[in-house]
Amino acid sequence: MNSLCVVLRKPPYGSVDAAEAVRHALGGLTEDVEVKLLLVDGGVNVARKGQDTAGTAYASVEEGIRDCIGMGAEVFADALSLKVQVLSPDDVMDGVKIVDSLTISAIIRKSSQVMIF
């Protein structure tokens, strides 16, 4: 089976990177591709519970992450990046797995395709 690894390094708002990463992950799922979404660096903020984008020009990516999980994607957040971004495991949405960098590198190595945002 083809597998797609989407690596998101940028924070969820301020650019289209997070929305595009989620869109590509969802697109892979609709094509029966095994999808793994890796959140590292500022990208771990995508997994933050209760995102409020009211009063901004941005749509919340939280629902997109929930859709990814609901459709069968595995979503991983880098533990070290969470610490750097001052997020605790309690701040992270249900269904997002917190893993170390060795696990992240293994996922990337095993993937057929890798996209970095």
PDB file of N, CA and C in Angstrom:
ATOM      1  N   MET A   1       0.840  -1.191   0.000  1.00  0.00           N
ATOM      2  CA  MET A   1       0.000   0.000   0.000  1.00  0.00           C
ATOM      3  C   MET A   1       0.878   1.245   0.000  1.00  0.00           C
ATOM      4  N   ASN A   2       0.496   2.219  -0.787  1.00  0.00           N
ATOM      5  CA  ASN A   2       1.204   3.491  -0.794  1.00  0.00           C
ATOM      6  C   ASN A   2       0.995   4.198   0.529  1.00  0.00           C
ATOM      7  N   SER A   3       2.027   4.896   0.963  1.00  0.00           N
ATOM      8  CA  SER A   3       1.903   5.641   2.210  1.00  0.00           C
ATOM      9  C   SER A   3       2.418   7.062   2.001  1.00  0.00           C
ATOM     10  N   LEU A   4       1.751   7.974   2.643  1.00  0.00           N
ATOM     11  CA  LEU A   4       2.094   9.390   2.562  1.00  0.00           C
ATOM     12  C   LEU A   4       2.377   9.905   3.960  1.00  0.00           C
ATOM     13  N   CYS A   5       3.511  10.538   4.107  1.00  0.00           N
ATOM     14  CA  CYS A   5       3.867  11.188   5.359  1.00  0.00           C
ATOM     15  C   CYS A   5       3.847  12.690   5.099  1.00  0.00           C
ATOM     16  N   VAL A   6       3.015  13.395   5.835  1.00  0.00           N
ATOM     17  CA  VAL A   6       2.936  14.851   5.725  1.00  0.00           C
ATOM     18  C   VAL A   6       3.564  15.427   6.988  1.00  0.00           C
ATOM     19  N   VAL A   7       4.637  16.184   6.802  1.00  0.00           N
ATOM     20  CA  VAL A   7       5.353  16.782   7.928  1.00  0.00           C
ATOM     21  C   VAL A   7       4.994  18.265   7.967  1.00  0.00           C
ATOM     22  N   LEU A   8       4.434  18.682   9.085  1.00  0.00           N
ATOM     23  CA  LEU A   8       4.067  20.087   9.256  1.00  0.00           C
ATOM     24  C   LEU A   8       4.979  20.708  10.300  1.00  0.00           C
ATOM     25  N   ARG A   9       5.778  21.687   9.874  1.00  0.00           N
ATOM     26  CA  ARG A   9       6.729  22.357  10.759  1.00  0.00           C
ATOM     27  C   ARG A   9       6.288  23.758  11.154  1.00  0.00           C
ATOM     28  N   LYS A  10       5.333  24.314  10.437  1.00  0.00           N
ATOM     29  CA  LYS A  10       4.941  25.709  10.652  1.00  0.00           C
ATOM     30  C   LYS A  10       3.704  25.796  11.552  1.00  0.00           C
ATOM     31  N   PRO A  11       3.563  26.899  12.279  1.00  0.00           N
ATOM     32  CA  PRO A  11       2.382  27.076  13.131  1.00  0.00           C
ATOM     33  C   PRO A  11       1.107  27.164  12.287  1.00  0.00           C
ATOM     34  N   PRO A  12      -0.029  26.967  12.911  1.00  0.00           N
ATOM     35  CA  PRO A  12      -1.273  26.851  12.151  1.00  0.00           C
ATOM     36  C   PRO A  12      -1.778  28.126  11.490  1.00  0.00           C
ATOM     37  N   TYR A  13      -1.373  29.274  11.948  1.00  0.00           N
ATOM     38  CA  TYR A  13      -1.929  30.507  11.394  1.00  0.00           C
ATOM     39  C   TYR A  13      -0.813  31.463  11.020  1.00  0.00           C
ATOM     40  N   GLY A  14      -1.047  32.266  10.003  1.00  0.00           N
ATOM     41  CA  GLY A  14      -0.038  33.189   9.520  1.00  0.00           C
ATOM     42  C   GLY A  14       0.432  32.818   8.125  1.00  0.00           C
ATOM     43  N   SER A  15       0.133  31.591   7.709  1.00  0.00           N
ATOM     44  CA  SER A  15       0.439  31.144   6.350  1.00  0.00           C
ATOM     45  C   SER A  15      -0.561  30.041   5.995  1.00  0.00           C
ATOM     46  N   VAL A  16      -0.501  29.588   4.779  1.00  0.00           N
ATOM     47  CA  VAL A  16      -1.419  28.527   4.337  1.00  0.00           C
ATOM     48  C   VAL A  16      -0.839  27.141   4.576  1.00  0.00           C
ATOM     49  N   ASP A  17       0.348  27.045   5.124  1.00  0.00           N
ATOM     50  CA  ASP A  17       1.013  25.755   5.256  1.00  0.00           C
ATOM     51  C   ASP A  17       0.208  24.723   6.036  1.00  0.00           C
ATOM     52  N   ALA A  18      -0.323  25.081   7.184  1.00  0.00           N
ATOM     53  CA  ALA A  18      -1.074  24.115   7.991  1.00  0.00           C
ATOM     54  C   ALA A  18      -2.333  23.660   7.263  1.00  0.00           C
ATOM     55  N   ALA A  19      -3.063  24.593   6.693  1.00  0.00           N
ATOM     56  CA  ALA A  19      -4.280  24.233   5.965  1.00  0.00           C
ATOM     57  C   ALA A  19      -3.951  23.343   4.769  1.00  0.00           C
ATOM     58  N   GLU A  20      -2.864  23.636   4.073  1.00  0.00           N
ATOM     59  CA  GLU A  20      -2.467  22.821   2.920  1.00  0.00           C
ATOM     60  C   GLU A  20      -1.998  21.434   3.360  1.00  0.00           C
ATOM     61  N   ALA A  21      -1.286  21.347   4.464  1.00  0.00           N
ATOM     62  CA  ALA A  21      -0.852  20.047   4.966  1.00  0.00           C
ATOM     63  C   ALA A  21      -2.057  19.179   5.294  1.00  0.00           C
ATOM     64  N   VAL A  22      -3.039  19.761   5.977  1.00  0.00           N
ATOM     65  CA  VAL A  22      -4.254  19.016   6.319  1.00  0.00           C
ATOM     66  C   VAL A  22      -5.016  18.634   5.052  1.00  0.00           C
ATOM     67  N   ARG A  23      -5.091  19.547   4.100  1.00  0.00           N
ATOM     68  CA  ARG A  23      -5.805  19.268   2.843  1.00  0.00           C
ATOM     69  C   ARG A  23      -5.146  18.111   2.090  1.00  0.00           C
ATOM     70  N   HIS A  24      -3.831  18.090   2.031  1.00  0.00           N
ATOM     71  CA  HIS A  24      -3.137  17.001   1.355  1.00  0.00           C
ATOM     72  C   HIS A  24      -3.316  15.677   2.105  1.00  0.00           C
ATOM     73  N   ALA A  25      -3.294  15.728   3.416  1.00  0.00           N
ATOM     74  CA  ALA A  25      -3.526  14.508   4.198  1.00  0.00           C
ATOM     75  C   ALA A  25      -4.924  13.961   3.925  1.00  0.00           C
ATOM     76  N   LEU A  26      -5.914  14.835   3.934  1.00  0.00           N
ATOM     77  CA  LEU A  26      -7.287  14.391   3.649  1.00  0.00           C
ATOM     78  C   LEU A  26      -7.404  13.859   2.222  1.00  0.00           C
ATOM     79  N   GLY A  27      -6.727  14.499   1.285  1.00  0.00           N
ATOM     80  CA  GLY A  27      -6.742  14.025  -0.096  1.00  0.00           C
ATOM     81  C   GLY A  27      -6.174  12.627  -0.222  1.00  0.00           C
ATOM     82  N   GLY A  28      -5.094  12.360   0.477  1.00  0.00           N
ATOM     83  CA  GLY A  28      -4.518  11.010   0.469  1.00  0.00           C
ATOM     84  C   GLY A  28      -5.482   9.988   1.022  1.00  0.00           C
ATOM     85  N   LEU A  29      -6.193  10.358   2.072  1.00  0.00           N
ATOM     86  CA  LEU A  29      -7.151   9.429   2.681  1.00  0.00           C
ATOM     87  C   LEU A  29      -8.283   9.096   1.727  1.00  0.00           C
ATOM     88  N   THR A  30      -8.708  10.047   0.906  1.00  0.00           N
ATOM     89  CA  THR A  30      -9.801   9.778  -0.032  1.00  0.00           C
ATOM     90  C   THR A  30      -9.337   8.885  -1.184  1.00  0.00           C
ATOM     91  N   GLU A  31      -8.025   8.756  -1.343  1.00  0.00           N
ATOM     92  CA  GLU A  31      -7.464   7.898  -2.396  1.00  0.00           C
ATOM     93  C   GLU A  31      -6.958   6.570  -1.827  1.00  0.00           C
ATOM     94  N   ASP A  32      -7.393   6.222  -0.629  1.00  0.00           N
ATOM     95  CA  ASP A  32      -6.989   4.973   0.030  1.00  0.00           C
ATOM     96  C   ASP A  32      -5.478   4.850   0.222  1.00  0.00           C
ATOM     97  N   VAL A  33      -4.852   5.968   0.524  1.00  0.00           N
ATOM     98  CA  VAL A  33      -3.430   5.989   0.841  1.00  0.00           C
ATOM     99  C   VAL A  33      -3.295   5.997   2.358  1.00  0.00           C
ATOM    100  N   GLU A  34      -2.336   5.259   2.870  1.00  0.00           N
ATOM    101  CA  GLU A  34      -2.064   5.291   4.308  1.00  0.00           C
ATOM    102  C   GLU A  34      -1.397   6.624   4.617  1.00  0.00           C
ATOM    103  N   VAL A  35      -2.009   7.411   5.510  1.00  0.00           N
ATOM    104  CA  VAL A  35      -1.514   8.760   5.787  1.00  0.00           C
ATOM    105  C   VAL A  35      -1.063   8.879   7.231  1.00  0.00           C
ATOM    106  N   LYS A  36       0.112   9.469   7.381  1.00  0.00           N
ATOM    107  CA  LYS A  36       0.624   9.820   8.701  1.00  0.00           C
ATOM    108  C   LYS A  36       0.958  11.304   8.662  1.00  0.00           C
ATOM    109  N   LEU A  37       0.415  12.040   9.616  1.00  0.00           N
ATOM    110  CA  LEU A  37       0.647  13.477   9.719  1.00  0.00           C
ATOM    111  C   LEU A  37       1.551  13.708  10.922  1.00  0.00           C
ATOM    112  N   LEU A  38       2.742  14.268  10.655  1.00  0.00           N
ATOM    113  CA  LEU A  38       3.721  14.514  11.711  1.00  0.00           C
ATOM    114  C   LEU A  38       3.780  15.994  12.026  1.00  0.00           C
ATOM    115  N   LEU A  39       3.579  16.329  13.275  1.00  0.00           N
ATOM    116  CA  LEU A  39       3.600  17.719  13.729  1.00  0.00           C
ATOM    117  C   LEU A  39       4.887  17.947  14.511  1.00  0.00           C
ATOM    118  N   VAL A  40       5.727  18.814  13.982  1.00  0.00           N
ATOM    119  CA  VAL A  40       7.011  19.118  14.619  1.00  0.00           C
ATOM    120  C   VAL A  40       7.203  20.627  14.649  1.00  0.00           C
ATOM    121  N   ASP A  41       8.146  21.075  15.444  1.00  0.00           N
ATOM    122  CA  ASP A  41       8.432  22.507  15.580  1.00  0.00           C
ATOM    123  C   ASP A  41       7.124  23.253  15.863  1.00  0.00           C
ATOM    124  N   GLY A  42       6.875  24.365  15.195  1.00  0.00           N
ATOM    125  CA  GLY A  42       5.646  25.133  15.414  1.00  0.00           C
ATOM    126  C   GLY A  42       4.394  24.409  14.976  1.00  0.00           C
ATOM    127  N   GLY A  43       4.554  23.365  14.174  1.00  0.00           N
ATOM    128  CA  GLY A  43       3.403  22.592  13.708  1.00  0.00           C
ATOM    129  C   GLY A  43       2.640  21.886  14.815  1.00  0.00           C
ATOM    130  N   VAL A  44       3.279  21.663  15.969  1.00  0.00           N
ATOM    131  CA  VAL A  44       2.559  21.003  17.063  1.00  0.00           C
ATOM    132  C   VAL A  44       1.383  21.844  17.551  1.00  0.00           C
ATOM    133  N   ASN A  45       1.410  23.137  17.281  1.00  0.00           N
ATOM    134  CA  ASN A  45       0.293  23.997  17.692  1.00  0.00           C
ATOM    135  C   ASN A  45      -1.001  23.668  16.958  1.00  0.00           C
ATOM    136  N   VAL A  46      -0.908  22.959  15.856  1.00  0.00           N
ATOM    137  CA  VAL A  46      -2.096  22.514  15.126  1.00  0.00           C
ATOM    138  C   VAL A  46      -2.916  21.562  15.997  1.00  0.00           C
ATOM    139  N   ALA A  47      -2.259  20.839  16.884  1.00  0.00           N
ATOM    140  CA  ALA A  47      -2.934  19.855  17.725  1.00  0.00           C
ATOM    141  C   ALA A  47      -3.510  20.451  19.006  1.00  0.00           C
ATOM    142  N   ARG A  48      -3.381  21.740  19.177  1.00  0.00           N
ATOM    143  CA  ARG A  48      -3.886  22.392  20.395  1.00  0.00           C
ATOM    144  C   ARG A  48      -5.413  22.321  20.437  1.00  0.00           C
ATOM    145  N   LYS A  49      -5.955  21.916  21.584  1.00  0.00           N
ATOM    146  CA  LYS A  49      -7.413  21.860  21.778  1.00  0.00           C
ATOM    147  C   LYS A  49      -8.001  23.263  21.821  1.00  0.00           C
ATOM    148  N   GLY A  50      -9.231  23.389  21.347  1.00  0.00           N
ATOM    149  CA  GLY A  50     -10.001  24.610  21.530  1.00  0.00           C
ATOM    150  C   GLY A  50      -9.469  25.831  20.814  1.00  0.00           C
ATOM    151  N   GLN A  51      -8.987  25.657  19.606  1.00  0.00           N
ATOM    152  CA  GLN A  51      -8.476  26.803  18.849  1.00  0.00           C
ATOM    153  C   GLN A  51      -9.610  27.776  18.557  1.00  0.00           C
ATOM    154  N   ASP A  52      -9.363  29.039  18.805  1.00  0.00           N
ATOM    155  CA  ASP A  52     -10.370  30.083  18.582  1.00  0.00           C
ATOM    156  C   ASP A  52      -9.839  31.061  17.548  1.00  0.00           C
ATOM    157  N   THR A  53     -10.436  31.023  16.370  1.00  0.00           N
ATOM    158  CA  THR A  53      -9.994  31.913  15.299  1.00  0.00           C
ATOM    159  C   THR A  53     -10.982  33.051  15.063  1.00  0.00           C
ATOM    160  N   ALA A  54     -11.922  33.221  15.988  1.00  0.00           N
ATOM    161  CA  ALA A  54     -12.894  34.306  15.855  1.00  0.00           C
ATOM    162  C   ALA A  54     -12.159  35.640  15.756  1.00  0.00           C
ATOM    163  N   GLY A  55     -12.627  36.481  14.851  1.00  0.00           N
ATOM    164  CA  GLY A  55     -12.019  37.788  14.692  1.00  0.00           C
ATOM    165  C   GLY A  55     -10.760  37.784  13.850  1.00  0.00           C
ATOM    166  N   THR A  56     -10.423  36.636  13.276  1.00  0.00           N
ATOM    167  CA  THR A  56      -9.258  36.563  12.396  1.00  0.00           C
ATOM    168  C   THR A  56      -9.727  36.207  10.989  1.00  0.00           C
ATOM    169  N   ALA A  57      -8.837  36.242  10.064  1.00  0.00           N
ATOM    170  CA  ALA A  57      -9.155  35.869   8.683  1.00  0.00           C
ATOM    171  C   ALA A  57      -8.917  34.381   8.444  1.00  0.00           C
ATOM    172  N   TYR A  58      -8.609  33.628   9.500  1.00  0.00           N
ATOM    173  CA  TYR A  58      -8.248  32.220   9.351  1.00  0.00           C
ATOM    174  C   TYR A  58      -9.366  31.298   9.813  1.00  0.00           C
ATOM    175  N   ALA A  59      -9.501  30.183   9.107  1.00  0.00           N
ATOM    176  CA  ALA A  59     -10.398  29.111   9.535  1.00  0.00           C
ATOM    177  C   ALA A  59      -9.592  28.186  10.447  1.00  0.00           C
ATOM    178  N   SER A  60     -10.237  27.645  11.446  1.00  0.00           N
ATOM    179  CA  SER A  60      -9.562  26.737  12.368  1.00  0.00           C
ATOM    180  C   SER A  60      -9.158  25.454  11.650  1.00  0.00           C
ATOM    181  N   VAL A  61      -7.954  24.988  11.907  1.00  0.00           N
ATOM    182  CA  VAL A  61      -7.515  23.716  11.341  1.00  0.00           C
ATOM    183  C   VAL A  61      -7.825  22.553  12.281  1.00  0.00           C
ATOM    184  N   GLU A  62      -8.344  22.866  13.447  1.00  0.00           N
ATOM    185  CA  GLU A  62      -8.653  21.829  14.430  1.00  0.00           C
ATOM    186  C   GLU A  62      -9.645  20.813  13.857  1.00  0.00           C
ATOM    187  N   GLU A  63     -10.673  21.288  13.187  1.00  0.00           N
ATOM    188  CA  GLU A  63     -11.667  20.369  12.614  1.00  0.00           C
ATOM    189  C   GLU A  63     -11.029  19.481  11.542  1.00  0.00           C
ATOM    190  N   GLY A  64     -10.114  20.040  10.771  1.00  0.00           N
ATOM    191  CA  GLY A  64      -9.411  19.252   9.758  1.00  0.00           C
ATOM    192  C   GLY A  64      -8.582  18.132  10.373  1.00  0.00           C
ATOM    193  N   ILE A  65      -7.950  18.417  11.495  1.00  0.00           N
ATOM    194  CA  ILE A  65      -7.184  17.380  12.189  1.00  0.00           C
ATOM    195  C   ILE A  65      -8.132  16.296  12.696  1.00  0.00           C
ATOM    196  N   ARG A  66      -9.276  16.699  13.244  1.00  0.00           N
ATOM    197  CA  ARG A  66     -10.263  15.714  13.702  1.00  0.00           C
ATOM    198  C   ARG A  66     -10.749  14.856  12.533  1.00  0.00           C
ATOM    199  N   ASP A  67     -10.965  15.482  11.374  1.00  0.00           N
ATOM    200  CA  ASP A  67     -11.383  14.734  10.184  1.00  0.00           C
ATOM    201  C   ASP A  67     -10.314  13.734   9.779  1.00  0.00           C
ATOM    202  N   CYS A  68      -9.062  14.150   9.794  1.00  0.00           N
ATOM    203  CA  CYS A  68      -7.963  13.241   9.450  1.00  0.00           C
ATOM    204  C   CYS A  68      -7.977  12.006  10.355  1.00  0.00           C
ATOM    205  N   ILE A  69      -8.077  12.250  11.651  1.00  0.00           N
ATOM    206  CA  ILE A  69      -8.090  11.147  12.609  1.00  0.00           C
ATOM    207  C   ILE A  69      -9.308  10.260  12.371  1.00  0.00           C
ATOM    208  N   GLY A  70     -10.467  10.889  12.172  1.00  0.00           N
ATOM    209  CA  GLY A  70     -11.699  10.142  11.955  1.00  0.00           C
ATOM    210  C   GLY A  70     -11.691   9.300  10.691  1.00  0.00           C
ATOM    211  N   MET A  71     -10.935   9.745   9.693  1.00  0.00           N
ATOM    212  CA  MET A  71     -10.859   9.012   8.421  1.00  0.00           C
ATOM    213  C   MET A  71      -9.725   7.986   8.405  1.00  0.00           C
ATOM    214  N   GLY A  72      -8.971   7.896   9.497  1.00  0.00           N
ATOM    215  CA  GLY A  72      -7.961   6.848   9.599  1.00  0.00           C
ATOM    216  C   GLY A  72      -6.517   7.278   9.541  1.00  0.00           C
ATOM    217  N   ALA A  73      -6.254   8.562   9.447  1.00  0.00           N
ATOM    218  CA  ALA A  73      -4.857   9.013   9.476  1.00  0.00           C
ATOM    219  C   ALA A  73      -4.323   8.899  10.895  1.00  0.00           C
ATOM    220  N   GLU A  74      -3.046   8.628  10.989  1.00  0.00           N
ATOM    221  CA  GLU A  74      -2.394   8.684  12.288  1.00  0.00           C
ATOM    222  C   GLU A  74      -1.727  10.051  12.387  1.00  0.00           C
ATOM    223  N   VAL A  75      -1.963  10.727  13.502  1.00  0.00           N
ATOM    224  CA  VAL A  75      -1.404  12.066  13.710  1.00  0.00           C
ATOM    225  C   VAL A  75      -0.469  11.986  14.910  1.00  0.00           C
ATOM    226  N   PHE A  76       0.754  12.451  14.701  1.00  0.00           N
ATOM    227  CA  PHE A  76       1.790  12.385  15.719  1.00  0.00           C
ATOM    228  C   PHE A  76       2.323  13.773  16.018  1.00  0.00           C
ATOM    229  N   ALA A  77       2.572  14.049  17.292  1.00  0.00           N
ATOM    230  CA  ALA A  77       3.187  15.307  17.717  1.00  0.00           C
ATOM    231  C   ALA A  77       4.525  14.983  18.377  1.00  0.00           C
ATOM    232  N   ASP A  78       5.542  15.734  18.016  1.00  0.00           N
ATOM    233  CA  ASP A  78       6.871  15.555  18.568  1.00  0.00           C
ATOM    234  C   ASP A  78       6.920  16.055  20.013  1.00  0.00           C
ATOM    235  N   ALA A  79       7.329  15.175  20.919  1.00  0.00           N
ATOM    236  CA  ALA A  79       7.353  15.509  22.348  1.00  0.00           C
ATOM    237  C   ALA A  79       8.265  16.698  22.647  1.00  0.00           C
ATOM    238  N   LEU A  80       9.442  16.730  22.048  1.00  0.00           N
ATOM    239  CA  LEU A  80      10.364  17.843  22.302  1.00  0.00           C
ATOM    240  C   LEU A  80       9.795  19.164  21.787  1.00  0.00           C
ATOM    241  N   SER A  81       9.161  19.131  20.613  1.00  0.00           N
ATOM    242  CA  SER A  81       8.551  20.345  20.071  1.00  0.00           C
ATOM    243  C   SER A  81       7.431  20.852  20.975  1.00  0.00           C
ATOM    244  N   LEU A  82       6.678  19.943  21.576  1.00  0.00           N
ATOM    245  CA  LEU A  82       5.630  20.356  22.519  1.00  0.00           C
ATOM    246  C   LEU A  82       6.246  21.144  23.669  1.00  0.00           C
ATOM    247  N   LYS A  83       7.362  20.645  24.202  1.00  0.00           N
ATOM    248  CA  LYS A  83       8.024  21.346  25.310  1.00  0.00           C
ATOM    249  C   LYS A  83       8.494  22.724  24.874  1.00  0.00           C
ATOM    250  N   VAL A  84       9.111  22.809  23.710  1.00  0.00           N
ATOM    251  CA  VAL A  84       9.621  24.083  23.208  1.00  0.00           C
ATOM    252  C   VAL A  84       8.481  25.076  22.994  1.00  0.00           C
ATOM    253  N   GLN A  85       7.329  24.587  22.540  1.00  0.00           N
ATOM    254  CA  GLN A  85       6.165  25.438  22.284  1.00  0.00           C
ATOM    255  C   GLN A  85       5.319  25.656  23.545  1.00  0.00           C
ATOM    256  N   VAL A  86       5.795  25.165  24.685  1.00  0.00           N
ATOM    257  CA  VAL A  86       5.141  25.291  25.993  1.00  0.00           C
ATOM    258  C   VAL A  86       3.713  24.715  25.957  1.00  0.00           C
ATOM    259  N   LEU A  87       3.618  23.498  25.418  1.00  0.00           N
ATOM    260  CA  LEU A  87       2.355  22.757  25.401  1.00  0.00           C
ATOM    261  C   LEU A  87       2.533  21.487  26.213  1.00  0.00           C
ATOM    262  N   SER A  88       1.528  21.140  26.977  1.00  0.00           N
ATOM    263  CA  SER A  88       1.568  19.898  27.736  1.00  0.00           C
ATOM    264  C   SER A  88       0.712  18.861  26.999  1.00  0.00           C
ATOM    265  N   PRO A  89       0.855  17.595  27.342  1.00  0.00           N
ATOM    266  CA  PRO A  89      -0.003  16.581  26.729  1.00  0.00           C
ATOM    267  C   PRO A  89      -1.500  16.874  26.928  1.00  0.00           C
ATOM    268  N   ASP A  90      -1.848  17.550  28.012  1.00  0.00           N
ATOM    269  CA  ASP A  90      -3.257  17.902  28.260  1.00  0.00           C
ATOM    270  C   ASP A  90      -3.769  18.958  27.280  1.00  0.00           C
ATOM    271  N   ASP A  91      -2.871  19.698  26.654  1.00  0.00           N
ATOM    272  CA  ASP A  91      -3.255  20.725  25.681  1.00  0.00           C
ATOM    273  C   ASP A  91      -3.546  20.144  24.300  1.00  0.00           C
ATOM    274  N   VAL A  92      -3.191  18.881  24.100  1.00  0.00           N
ATOM    275  CA  VAL A  92      -3.257  18.252  22.778  1.00  0.00           C
ATOM    276  C   VAL A  92      -4.598  17.531  22.593  1.00  0.00           C
ATOM    277  N   MET A  93      -5.142  17.638  21.380  1.00  0.00           N
ATOM    278  CA  MET A  93      -6.425  17.001  21.047  1.00  0.00           C
ATOM    279  C   MET A  93      -6.352  15.489  21.225  1.00  0.00           C
ATOM    280  N   ASP A  94      -7.494  14.903  21.543  1.00  0.00           N
ATOM    281  CA  ASP A  94      -7.586  13.449  21.625  1.00  0.00           C
ATOM    282  C   ASP A  94      -7.280  12.844  20.264  1.00  0.00           C
ATOM    283  N   GLY A  95      -6.593  11.726  20.281  1.00  0.00           N
ATOM    284  CA  GLY A  95      -6.279  11.023  19.047  1.00  0.00           C
ATOM    285  C   GLY A  95      -4.920  11.357  18.477  1.00  0.00           C
ATOM    286  N   VAL A  96      -4.278  12.403  18.993  1.00  0.00           N
ATOM    287  CA  VAL A  96      -2.932  12.767  18.541  1.00  0.00           C
ATOM    288  C   VAL A  96      -1.945  12.040  19.455  1.00  0.00           C
ATOM    289  N   LYS A  97      -1.042  11.295  18.837  1.00  0.00           N
ATOM    290  CA  LYS A  97      -0.064  10.524  19.592  1.00  0.00           C
ATOM    291  C   LYS A  97       1.207  11.346  19.787  1.00  0.00           C
ATOM    292  N   ILE A  98       1.678  11.398  21.011  1.00  0.00           N
ATOM    293  CA  ILE A  98       2.907  12.123  21.323  1.00  0.00           C
ATOM    294  C   ILE A  98       4.060  11.122  21.281  1.00  0.00           C
ATOM    295  N   VAL A  99       5.055  11.428  20.428  1.00  0.00           N
ATOM    296  CA  VAL A  99       6.154  10.486  20.205  1.00  0.00           C
ATOM    297  C   VAL A  99       7.496  11.211  20.230  1.00  0.00           C
ATOM    298  N   ASP A 100       8.563  10.419  20.310  1.00  0.00           N
ATOM    299  CA  ASP A 100       9.909  10.996  20.309  1.00  0.00           C
ATOM    300  C   ASP A 100      10.444  11.103  18.884  1.00  0.00           C
ATOM    301  N   SER A 101      11.598  11.735  18.753  1.00  0.00           N
ATOM    302  CA  SER A 101      12.166  11.988  17.427  1.00  0.00           C
ATOM    303  C   SER A 101      12.594  10.710  16.715  1.00  0.00           C
ATOM    304  N   LEU A 102      12.966   9.675  17.447  1.00  0.00           N
ATOM    305  CA  LEU A 102      13.322   8.407  16.804  1.00  0.00           C
ATOM    306  C   LEU A 102      12.111   7.794  16.111  1.00  0.00           C
ATOM    307  N   THR A 103      10.960   7.882  16.741  1.00  0.00           N
ATOM    308  CA  THR A 103       9.731   7.374  16.130  1.00  0.00           C
ATOM    309  C   THR A 103       9.394   8.180  14.887  1.00  0.00           C
ATOM    310  N   ILE A 104       9.552   9.478  14.964  1.00  0.00           N
ATOM    311  CA  ILE A 104       9.263  10.340  13.811  1.00  0.00           C
ATOM    312  C   ILE A 104      10.179   9.985  12.642  1.00  0.00           C
ATOM    313  N   SER A 105      11.464   9.808  12.914  1.00  0.00           N
ATOM    314  CA  SER A 105      12.383   9.476  11.823  1.00  0.00           C
ATOM    315  C   SER A 105      12.056   8.111  11.218  1.00  0.00           C
ATOM    316  N   ALA A 106      11.629   7.157  12.032  1.00  0.00           N
ATOM    317  CA  ALA A 106      11.249   5.834  11.516  1.00  0.00           C
ATOM    318  C   ALA A 106      10.021   5.933  10.616  1.00  0.00           C
ATOM    319  N   ILE A 107       9.052   6.758  10.990  1.00  0.00           N
ATOM    320  CA  ILE A 107       7.848   6.942  10.171  1.00  0.00           C
ATOM    321  C   ILE A 107       8.228   7.537   8.814  1.00  0.00           C
ATOM    322  N   ILE A 108       9.090   8.520   8.824  1.00  0.00           N
ATOM    323  CA  ILE A 108       9.517   9.152   7.569  1.00  0.00           C
ATOM    324  C   ILE A 108      10.238   8.133   6.679  1.00  0.00           C
ATOM    325  N   ARG A 109      11.137   7.370   7.263  1.00  0.00           N
ATOM    326  CA  ARG A 109      11.892   6.373   6.485  1.00  0.00           C
ATOM    327  C   ARG A 109      10.980   5.334   5.834  1.00  0.00           C
ATOM    328  N   LYS A 110       9.919   4.941   6.504  1.00  0.00           N
ATOM    329  CA  LYS A 110       9.039   3.872   6.013  1.00  0.00           C
ATOM    330  C   LYS A 110       7.986   4.369   5.023  1.00  0.00           C
ATOM    331  N   SER A 111       7.880   5.660   4.828  1.00  0.00           N
ATOM    332  CA  SER A 111       6.840   6.214   3.962  1.00  0.00           C
ATOM    333  C   SER A 111       7.256   6.196   2.496  1.00  0.00           C
ATOM    334  N   SER A 112       6.270   5.938   1.625  1.00  0.00           N
ATOM    335  CA  SER A 112       6.522   5.956   0.183  1.00  0.00           C
ATOM    336  C   SER A 112       6.785   7.381  -0.309  1.00  0.00           C
ATOM    337  N   GLN A 113       6.007   8.320   0.200  1.00  0.00           N
ATOM    338  CA  GLN A 113       6.105   9.729  -0.195  1.00  0.00           C
ATOM    339  C   GLN A 113       6.135  10.587   1.047  1.00  0.00           C
ATOM    340  N   VAL A 114       6.896  11.676   0.999  1.00  0.00           N
ATOM    341  CA  VAL A 114       6.969  12.617   2.114  1.00  0.00           C
ATOM    342  C   VAL A 114       6.757  14.026   1.576  1.00  0.00           C
ATOM    343  N   MET A 115       5.854  14.757   2.213  1.00  0.00           N
ATOM    344  CA  MET A 115       5.613  16.159   1.887  1.00  0.00           C
ATOM    345  C   MET A 115       5.925  16.979   3.130  1.00  0.00           C
ATOM    346  N   ILE A 116       6.653  18.070   2.962  1.00  0.00           N
ATOM    347  CA  ILE A 116       7.026  18.905   4.102  1.00  0.00           C
ATOM    348  C   ILE A 116       6.428  20.301   3.928  1.00  0.00           C
ATOM    349  N   PHE A 117       5.754  20.749   4.961  1.00  0.00           N
ATOM    350  CA  PHE A 117       5.137  22.080   4.967  1.00  0.00           C
ATOM    351  C   PHE A 117       5.714  22.877   6.119  1.00  0.00           C
TER     352      PHE A 117
END
